Amino acid sequence: MNFKPLGQRVLVKRTEVENKTASGIYIPDNAKEKPSTATVVAIGSEIKEIALNDTVVFGKYSGTELALEGVDYLILESKDILGVIK
């Protein structure tokens, strides 16, 4: 992939969500909420606190969706990232 975010932006790939409840009921795709966690794929030059492959938490309506080579990604600004899961 040849994509480099500029400035204070981060390219992330959303984490997959379980499509089955604890009791074994399958949830259809149109009823699932999009996850608010993602794995960092690329980082802009001005980002210091986040590293590649970190798992980040971001706001529900944050970012811009982008499809590259058939894979869905999300471009986030650093101010939209709430924290890093270690």
N, C-alpha and C. Protein backbone atom coordinates (compact mmCIF):
# COMPACT_ATOMS: atom_id res chain seq x y z
N MET A 1 0.85 -1.17 0.00
CA MET A 1 0.00 0.00 0.00
C MET A 1 0.90 1.24 0.00
N ASN A 2 0.61 2.16 -0.86
CA ASN A 2 1.38 3.39 -0.98
C ASN A 2 0.55 4.58 -0.53
N PHE A 3 0.32 4.67 0.77
CA PHE A 3 -0.45 5.79 1.31
C PHE A 3 0.25 6.29 2.57
N LYS A 4 0.53 7.57 2.61
CA LYS A 4 1.17 8.21 3.77
C LYS A 4 0.29 9.36 4.22
N PRO A 5 -0.31 9.27 5.44
CA PRO A 5 -1.11 10.38 5.93
C PRO A 5 -0.24 11.62 6.16
N LEU A 6 -0.82 12.78 5.97
CA LEU A 6 -0.09 14.03 6.15
C LEU A 6 -0.36 14.63 7.52
N GLY A 7 0.65 15.30 8.07
CA GLY A 7 0.50 16.07 9.30
C GLY A 7 0.07 15.26 10.49
N GLN A 8 -1.05 15.65 11.10
CA GLN A 8 -1.58 15.06 12.33
C GLN A 8 -2.62 13.97 12.06
N ARG A 9 -2.49 13.26 10.95
CA ARG A 9 -3.48 12.23 10.59
C ARG A 9 -2.89 10.83 10.74
N VAL A 10 -3.81 9.87 10.95
CA VAL A 10 -3.42 8.47 11.14
C VAL A 10 -4.35 7.62 10.28
N LEU A 11 -3.79 6.63 9.60
CA LEU A 11 -4.58 5.67 8.83
C LEU A 11 -4.76 4.42 9.68
N VAL A 12 -6.01 4.01 9.89
CA VAL A 12 -6.29 2.86 10.74
C VAL A 12 -7.21 1.88 10.03
N LYS A 13 -7.17 0.63 10.49
CA LYS A 13 -8.09 -0.40 10.01
C LYS A 13 -8.91 -0.84 11.21
N ARG A 14 -10.23 -0.74 11.08
CA ARG A 14 -11.12 -1.09 12.19
C ARG A 14 -10.93 -2.55 12.58
N THR A 15 -11.06 -2.81 13.89
CA THR A 15 -10.98 -4.19 14.37
C THR A 15 -12.29 -4.90 14.07
N GLU A 16 -12.20 -6.19 13.88
CA GLU A 16 -13.39 -6.98 13.57
C GLU A 16 -14.22 -7.17 14.84
N VAL A 17 -15.53 -7.18 14.68
CA VAL A 17 -16.43 -7.37 15.81
C VAL A 17 -17.04 -8.75 15.71
N GLU A 18 -17.30 -9.34 16.87
CA GLU A 18 -17.92 -10.65 16.92
C GLU A 18 -19.35 -10.54 16.37
N ASN A 19 -19.74 -11.49 15.52
CA ASN A 19 -21.08 -11.43 14.94
C ASN A 19 -22.04 -12.38 15.65
N LYS A 20 -21.65 -12.81 16.86
CA LYS A 20 -22.49 -13.71 17.62
C LYS A 20 -22.50 -13.24 19.08
N THR A 21 -23.67 -13.27 19.71
CA THR A 21 -23.77 -12.87 21.11
C THR A 21 -23.25 -13.99 22.01
N ALA A 22 -23.13 -13.71 23.30
CA ALA A 22 -22.65 -14.70 24.25
C ALA A 22 -23.58 -15.91 24.33
N SER A 23 -24.86 -15.69 24.05
CA SER A 23 -25.82 -16.79 24.10
C SER A 23 -25.92 -17.55 22.79
N GLY A 24 -25.15 -17.15 21.77
CA GLY A 24 -25.11 -17.89 20.52
C GLY A 24 -25.98 -17.36 19.41
N ILE A 25 -26.59 -16.19 19.60
CA ILE A 25 -27.45 -15.61 18.57
C ILE A 25 -26.59 -14.82 17.60
N TYR A 26 -26.76 -15.07 16.30
CA TYR A 26 -25.99 -14.35 15.28
C TYR A 26 -26.61 -12.99 15.00
N ILE A 27 -25.77 -11.97 14.90
CA ILE A 27 -26.21 -10.61 14.64
C ILE A 27 -25.96 -10.30 13.17
N PRO A 28 -26.99 -9.89 12.42
CA PRO A 28 -26.79 -9.56 11.00
C PRO A 28 -25.94 -8.30 10.85
N ASP A 29 -25.25 -8.18 9.72
CA ASP A 29 -24.34 -7.05 9.48
C ASP A 29 -25.03 -5.70 9.60
N ASN A 30 -26.27 -5.60 9.14
CA ASN A 30 -26.94 -4.30 9.17
C ASN A 30 -27.39 -3.89 10.58
N ALA A 31 -27.32 -4.78 11.56
CA ALA A 31 -27.71 -4.45 12.93
C ALA A 31 -26.51 -4.17 13.83
N LYS A 32 -25.31 -4.46 13.34
CA LYS A 32 -24.11 -4.26 14.15
C LYS A 32 -23.67 -2.80 14.12
N GLU A 33 -23.14 -2.35 15.25
CA GLU A 33 -22.52 -1.02 15.29
C GLU A 33 -21.09 -1.16 14.81
N LYS A 34 -20.58 -0.12 14.17
CA LYS A 34 -19.19 -0.13 13.76
C LYS A 34 -18.32 -0.01 15.01
N PRO A 35 -17.22 -0.74 15.04
CA PRO A 35 -16.37 -0.66 16.23
C PRO A 35 -15.68 0.69 16.36
N SER A 36 -15.38 1.07 17.58
CA SER A 36 -14.68 2.34 17.80
C SER A 36 -13.23 2.10 18.19
N THR A 37 -12.71 0.92 17.84
CA THR A 37 -11.29 0.62 18.02
C THR A 37 -10.72 0.22 16.67
N ALA A 38 -9.43 0.49 16.50
CA ALA A 38 -8.79 0.18 15.23
C ALA A 38 -7.29 -0.01 15.44
N THR A 39 -6.65 -0.65 14.46
CA THR A 39 -5.20 -0.85 14.47
C THR A 39 -4.56 0.18 13.55
N VAL A 40 -3.49 0.81 14.02
CA VAL A 40 -2.80 1.84 13.25
C VAL A 40 -1.99 1.19 12.13
N VAL A 41 -2.21 1.67 10.90
CA VAL A 41 -1.53 1.13 9.72
C VAL A 41 -0.45 2.09 9.21
N ALA A 42 -0.72 3.40 9.27
CA ALA A 42 0.24 4.42 8.82
C ALA A 42 0.06 5.67 9.67
N ILE A 43 1.16 6.43 9.83
CA ILE A 43 1.16 7.59 10.71
C ILE A 43 1.71 8.80 9.97
N GLY A 44 1.09 9.96 10.20
CA GLY A 44 1.59 11.22 9.65
C GLY A 44 2.88 11.63 10.33
N SER A 45 3.61 12.53 9.71
CA SER A 45 4.94 12.92 10.19
C SER A 45 4.92 13.69 11.51
N GLU A 46 3.80 14.29 11.89
CA GLU A 46 3.74 15.09 13.11
C GLU A 46 3.24 14.32 14.34
N ILE A 47 2.97 13.03 14.20
CA ILE A 47 2.45 12.22 15.30
C ILE A 47 3.62 11.62 16.08
N LYS A 48 3.61 11.81 17.40
CA LYS A 48 4.69 11.30 18.25
C LYS A 48 4.21 10.24 19.25
N GLU A 49 2.96 10.33 19.71
CA GLU A 49 2.48 9.46 20.79
C GLU A 49 1.98 8.10 20.33
N ILE A 50 1.77 7.92 19.05
CA ILE A 50 1.18 6.70 18.52
C ILE A 50 2.19 6.01 17.61
N ALA A 51 2.23 4.67 17.70
CA ALA A 51 3.16 3.89 16.88
C ALA A 51 2.36 2.94 15.96
N LEU A 52 3.02 2.41 14.96
CA LEU A 52 2.39 1.43 14.08
C LEU A 52 1.94 0.22 14.89
N ASN A 53 0.83 -0.36 14.50
CA ASN A 53 0.23 -1.55 15.12
C ASN A 53 -0.35 -1.30 16.51
N ASP A 54 -0.39 -0.05 16.98
CA ASP A 54 -1.09 0.26 18.23
C ASP A 54 -2.59 0.11 17.99
N THR A 55 -3.32 -0.25 19.03
CA THR A 55 -4.78 -0.27 18.96
C THR A 55 -5.27 1.01 19.61
N VAL A 56 -6.05 1.78 18.85
CA VAL A 56 -6.52 3.08 19.33
C VAL A 56 -8.04 3.08 19.47
N VAL A 57 -8.53 3.95 20.34
CA VAL A 57 -9.96 4.17 20.54
C VAL A 57 -10.27 5.56 20.01
N PHE A 58 -11.35 5.68 19.24
CA PHE A 58 -11.70 6.97 18.65
C PHE A 58 -13.18 7.23 18.78
N GLY A 59 -13.58 8.47 18.56
CA GLY A 59 -14.98 8.88 18.66
C GLY A 59 -15.86 8.18 17.63
N LYS A 60 -17.12 8.00 17.96
CA LYS A 60 -18.06 7.24 17.14
C LYS A 60 -18.22 7.80 15.72
N TYR A 61 -18.27 9.09 15.56
CA TYR A 61 -18.51 9.69 14.24
C TYR A 61 -17.25 10.34 13.67
N SER A 62 -16.09 9.86 14.07
CA SER A 62 -14.82 10.46 13.65
C SER A 62 -14.31 9.83 12.36
N GLY A 63 -13.49 10.58 11.66
CA GLY A 63 -12.74 10.05 10.53
C GLY A 63 -13.43 10.09 9.19
N THR A 64 -12.62 9.75 8.19
CA THR A 64 -13.08 9.67 6.80
C THR A 64 -12.79 8.27 6.29
N GLU A 65 -13.81 7.60 5.77
CA GLU A 65 -13.63 6.25 5.26
C GLU A 65 -12.93 6.28 3.91
N LEU A 66 -12.09 5.26 3.68
CA LEU A 66 -11.29 5.19 2.47
C LEU A 66 -11.08 3.73 2.13
N ALA A 67 -11.22 3.36 0.86
CA ALA A 67 -10.95 2.00 0.40
C ALA A 67 -9.69 2.01 -0.46
N LEU A 68 -8.71 1.23 -0.05
CA LEU A 68 -7.46 1.09 -0.79
C LEU A 68 -7.23 -0.38 -1.10
N GLU A 69 -7.07 -0.70 -2.36
CA GLU A 69 -6.81 -2.06 -2.79
C GLU A 69 -7.86 -3.04 -2.25
N GLY A 70 -9.11 -2.60 -2.20
CA GLY A 70 -10.21 -3.46 -1.76
C GLY A 70 -10.35 -3.62 -0.25
N VAL A 71 -9.56 -2.89 0.53
CA VAL A 71 -9.63 -2.96 1.99
C VAL A 71 -10.13 -1.62 2.51
N ASP A 72 -11.05 -1.66 3.49
CA ASP A 72 -11.61 -0.44 4.06
C ASP A 72 -10.74 0.07 5.20
N TYR A 73 -10.41 1.35 5.14
CA TYR A 73 -9.61 2.03 6.16
C TYR A 73 -10.34 3.26 6.64
N LEU A 74 -9.78 3.90 7.65
CA LEU A 74 -10.34 5.12 8.19
C LEU A 74 -9.17 6.08 8.43
N ILE A 75 -9.32 7.32 7.99
CA ILE A 75 -8.31 8.35 8.24
C ILE A 75 -8.81 9.19 9.41
N LEU A 76 -8.01 9.23 10.49
CA LEU A 76 -8.38 9.98 11.69
C LEU A 76 -7.39 11.12 11.91
N GLU A 77 -7.89 12.21 12.45
CA GLU A 77 -7.00 13.26 12.92
C GLU A 77 -6.62 12.91 14.36
N SER A 78 -5.44 13.33 14.79
CA SER A 78 -4.97 12.96 16.12
C SER A 78 -5.91 13.43 17.22
N LYS A 79 -6.61 14.54 17.02
CA LYS A 79 -7.55 15.05 18.03
C LYS A 79 -8.76 14.14 18.20
N ASP A 80 -9.06 13.29 17.20
CA ASP A 80 -10.19 12.37 17.28
C ASP A 80 -9.84 11.08 18.01
N ILE A 81 -8.56 10.83 18.23
CA ILE A 81 -8.13 9.61 18.93
C ILE A 81 -8.19 9.88 20.42
N LEU A 82 -8.96 9.04 21.12
CA LEU A 82 -9.19 9.22 22.54
C LEU A 82 -8.11 8.56 23.40
N GLY A 83 -7.52 7.49 22.89
CA GLY A 83 -6.50 6.79 23.69
C GLY A 83 -5.94 5.60 22.95
N VAL A 84 -4.92 4.98 23.58
CA VAL A 84 -4.26 3.80 23.03
C VAL A 84 -4.45 2.66 23.99
N ILE A 85 -4.84 1.49 23.48
CA ILE A 85 -5.00 0.30 24.30
C ILE A 85 -3.68 -0.45 24.30
N LYS A 86 -3.13 -0.71 25.46
CA LYS A 86 -1.85 -1.43 25.58
C LYS A 86 -2.08 -2.86 25.98
